[in-house]
Amino acid sequence: MNHRLIVSSALASVLSLGIAGQAAAQDKSKEKCYGIAKAGQNDCASLSKTHSCAGQSKMDMSAEDWKYVAKGTCKSLKGMTEQEAMAKSKS
């Protein structure tokens, strides 16, 4: 395969992932829900900054890790808001 084609394909993939991540972050129909992510299934950085990326949570249902959920469904999933999660991690 052409080296230039491989490099440009990889670059296009990285750029599209960045755009998709921004779109999810700006989606007003979703909200962050803390304490519901299973290990390795969080959507981004933890509250305490022990990791800074999706998929890096080490334990199930950690109050420091979050997932995007449909707005208004977090409580029914037994999740917490960011403020509730911060209060829980301080105690």
Protein backbone atom coordinates (compact mmCIF):
# COMPACT_ATOMS: atom_id res chain seq x y z
CA MET A 1 0.00 0.00 0.00
CA ASN A 2 1.04 3.53 -0.57
CA HIS A 3 2.63 5.07 2.53
CA ARG A 4 0.96 8.43 1.86
CA LEU A 5 -2.47 6.75 1.69
CA ILE A 6 -1.92 5.02 5.03
CA VAL A 7 -0.82 8.24 6.73
CA SER A 8 -3.71 10.28 5.32
CA SER A 9 -6.22 7.57 6.30
CA ALA A 10 -4.89 7.49 9.85
CA LEU A 11 -5.01 11.27 10.07
CA ALA A 12 -8.59 11.35 8.79
CA SER A 13 -9.59 8.74 11.39
CA VAL A 14 -8.05 10.70 14.24
CA LEU A 15 -9.68 13.94 13.11
CA SER A 16 -13.09 12.33 12.77
CA LEU A 17 -12.83 10.86 16.28
CA GLY A 18 -12.03 14.31 17.66
CA ILE A 19 -15.05 15.81 15.93
CA ALA A 20 -17.31 13.02 17.16
CA GLY A 21 -16.07 13.54 20.73
CA GLN A 22 -16.82 17.25 20.54
CA ALA A 23 -20.27 16.56 19.13
CA ALA A 24 -21.08 14.27 22.05
CA ALA A 25 -19.82 16.85 24.53
CA GLN A 26 -22.05 19.50 22.97
CA ASP A 27 -25.14 17.28 22.76
CA LYS A 28 -27.71 18.98 25.02
CA SER A 29 -29.87 15.84 25.12
CA LYS A 30 -27.22 14.07 27.20
CA GLU A 31 -25.80 14.62 30.68
CA LYS A 32 -22.87 13.29 32.69
CA CYS A 33 -23.95 10.64 35.17
CA TYR A 34 -21.41 9.70 37.87
CA GLY A 35 -21.20 6.36 39.63
CA ILE A 36 -22.78 4.17 36.94
CA ALA A 37 -19.83 3.28 34.68
CA LYS A 38 -18.45 -0.24 34.79
CA ALA A 39 -14.67 -0.69 34.83
CA GLY A 40 -13.22 0.35 31.50
CA GLN A 41 -16.50 1.85 30.25
CA ASN A 42 -16.30 5.47 31.48
CA ASP A 43 -16.66 8.27 28.95
CA CYS A 44 -13.78 10.55 30.01
CA ALA A 45 -11.57 11.84 32.84
CA SER A 46 -12.26 11.07 36.48
CA LEU A 47 -13.11 13.75 39.04
CA SER A 48 -9.80 13.26 40.88
CA LYS A 49 -7.84 13.29 37.60
CA THR A 50 -6.38 9.84 38.27
CA HIS A 51 -6.92 9.24 34.57
CA SER A 52 -7.79 11.54 31.70
CA CYS A 53 -9.37 9.36 29.09
CA ALA A 54 -12.35 7.20 28.23
CA GLY A 55 -12.16 3.53 29.11
CA GLN A 56 -9.61 3.92 31.90
CA SER A 57 -11.77 3.44 35.01
CA LYS A 58 -10.50 0.62 37.20
CA MET A 59 -13.61 -0.35 39.17
CA ASP A 60 -17.34 -0.67 38.63
CA MET A 61 -19.62 2.17 39.75
CA SER A 62 -16.87 4.49 40.98
CA ALA A 63 -18.32 7.83 42.07
CA GLU A 64 -15.40 9.53 40.29
CA ASP A 65 -16.17 8.14 36.82
CA TRP A 66 -19.06 9.03 34.54
CA LYS A 67 -20.91 8.15 31.38
CA TYR A 68 -23.14 10.22 29.13
CA VAL A 69 -26.81 9.28 29.49
CA ALA A 70 -30.02 10.70 28.11
CA LYS A 71 -30.93 13.88 29.98
CA GLY A 72 -33.21 13.14 32.92
CA THR A 73 -32.32 9.45 33.26
CA CYS A 74 -29.33 9.61 35.63
CA LYS A 75 -31.33 9.36 38.84
CA SER A 76 -33.31 6.36 37.58
CA LEU A 77 -29.95 4.66 36.92
CA LYS A 78 -28.97 5.39 40.54
CA GLY A 79 -26.32 7.85 39.36
CA MET A 80 -25.16 11.19 40.71
CA THR A 81 -24.60 14.71 39.44
CA GLU A 82 -21.05 16.08 39.43
CA GLN A 83 -21.74 18.03 42.63
CA GLU A 84 -23.09 14.93 44.39
CA ALA A 85 -20.10 12.88 43.25
CA MET A 86 -17.66 15.55 44.47
CA ALA A 87 -19.37 15.66 47.87
CA LYS A 88 -19.24 11.85 48.12
CA SER A 89 -15.54 11.70 47.22
CA LYS A 90 -14.72 14.29 49.94
CA SER A 91 -16.40 12.27 52.70
